[in-house]
Amino acid sequence: MTQTALTDLSFEAAMAELETVVSALEKGDVALEQSIALYKRGADLRAHCALKLKDAEEKVEVIRAQEGRAIGTTPVEGL
């Protein structure tokens, strides 16, 4: 299985691959070594998605600041 480099993945593509990884791990029908590799890839994908979200939040804050709107994010309840 050829994996796309994380830097080449969009947020949406990374989330889709992460869902596939989670699904495979939940089924539990993969060998131990493959499970470890999938877990590692999942952790890397999660970190990549978190970084992409952080970058997007920063871009929104710059736009808001340029418009003279309040700066800062408010956590969404339940997250």
Protein backbone atom coordinates (compact mmCIF):
# COMPACT_ATOMS: atom_id res chain seq x y z
CA MET A 1 0.00 0.00 0.00
CA THR A 2 1.55 3.29 -1.12
CA GLN A 3 0.92 6.17 1.27
CA THR A 4 0.69 9.76 0.16
CA ALA A 5 3.10 12.06 1.98
CA LEU A 6 1.28 14.02 4.67
CA THR A 7 2.44 17.33 3.22
CA ASP A 8 0.62 16.45 -0.02
CA LEU A 9 -2.71 15.73 1.70
CA SER A 10 -5.49 18.26 2.02
CA PHE A 11 -7.43 18.36 5.27
CA GLU A 12 -10.32 16.51 3.65
CA ALA A 13 -8.10 13.81 2.15
CA ALA A 14 -6.32 13.30 5.48
CA MET A 15 -9.64 13.01 7.32
CA ALA A 16 -10.91 10.47 4.80
CA GLU A 17 -7.77 8.38 5.18
CA LEU A 18 -7.96 8.69 8.96
CA GLU A 19 -11.54 7.36 8.87
CA THR A 20 -10.33 4.41 6.82
CA VAL A 21 -7.51 3.73 9.29
CA VAL A 22 -9.87 3.89 12.27
CA SER A 23 -12.34 1.59 10.55
CA ALA A 24 -9.62 -0.98 9.80
CA LEU A 25 -8.36 -0.88 13.39
CA GLU A 26 -11.88 -1.20 14.82
CA LYS A 27 -12.54 -4.31 12.73
CA GLY A 28 -9.54 -5.93 14.40
CA ASP A 29 -8.86 -8.30 11.53
CA VAL A 30 -5.38 -7.03 10.66
CA ALA A 31 -2.10 -8.53 11.78
CA LEU A 32 -0.32 -7.03 14.77
CA GLU A 33 2.48 -5.41 12.75
CA GLN A 34 -0.02 -3.93 10.32
CA SER A 35 -2.10 -2.66 13.25
CA ILE A 36 0.94 -0.88 14.65
CA ALA A 37 1.68 0.69 11.26
CA LEU A 38 -1.96 1.76 10.90
CA TYR A 39 -1.97 3.24 14.40
CA LYS A 40 1.19 5.23 13.59
CA ARG A 41 -0.29 6.48 10.32
CA GLY A 42 -3.49 7.41 12.14
CA ALA A 43 -1.56 9.39 14.75
CA ASP A 44 0.34 11.19 11.99
CA LEU A 45 -2.88 11.94 10.11
CA ARG A 46 -4.53 13.30 13.27
CA ALA A 47 -1.57 15.60 13.90
CA HIS A 48 -1.64 16.75 10.27
CA CYS A 49 -5.36 17.55 10.51
CA ALA A 50 -4.84 19.45 13.77
CA LEU A 51 -2.11 21.53 12.13
CA LYS A 52 -4.30 22.25 9.09
CA LEU A 53 -7.13 23.39 11.40
CA LYS A 54 -4.79 25.60 13.39
CA ASP A 55 -3.50 27.20 10.19
CA ALA A 56 -7.07 27.81 9.01
CA GLU A 57 -8.00 29.41 12.35
CA GLU A 58 -4.99 31.71 12.12
CA LYS A 59 -5.96 32.78 8.60
CA VAL A 60 -9.51 33.55 9.74
CA GLU A 61 -8.15 35.61 12.63
CA VAL A 62 -5.99 37.65 10.24
CA ILE A 63 -9.03 38.34 8.08
CA ARG A 64 -11.09 39.31 11.11
CA ALA A 65 -8.34 41.62 12.34
CA GLN A 66 -8.14 43.28 8.93
CA GLU A 67 -11.88 43.88 9.07
CA GLY A 68 -11.57 45.40 12.54
CA ARG A 69 -13.50 42.56 14.14
CA ALA A 70 -12.69 40.97 17.46
CA ILE A 71 -9.69 38.68 17.51
CA GLY A 72 -9.58 35.37 19.36
CA THR A 73 -11.34 32.10 19.17
CA THR A 74 -13.93 30.75 21.52
CA PRO A 75 -13.94 27.00 22.13
CA VAL A 76 -17.04 25.25 20.91
CA GLU A 77 -18.97 23.64 23.74
CA GLY A 78 -18.37 19.92 23.95
CA LEU A 79 -15.05 19.88 22.12
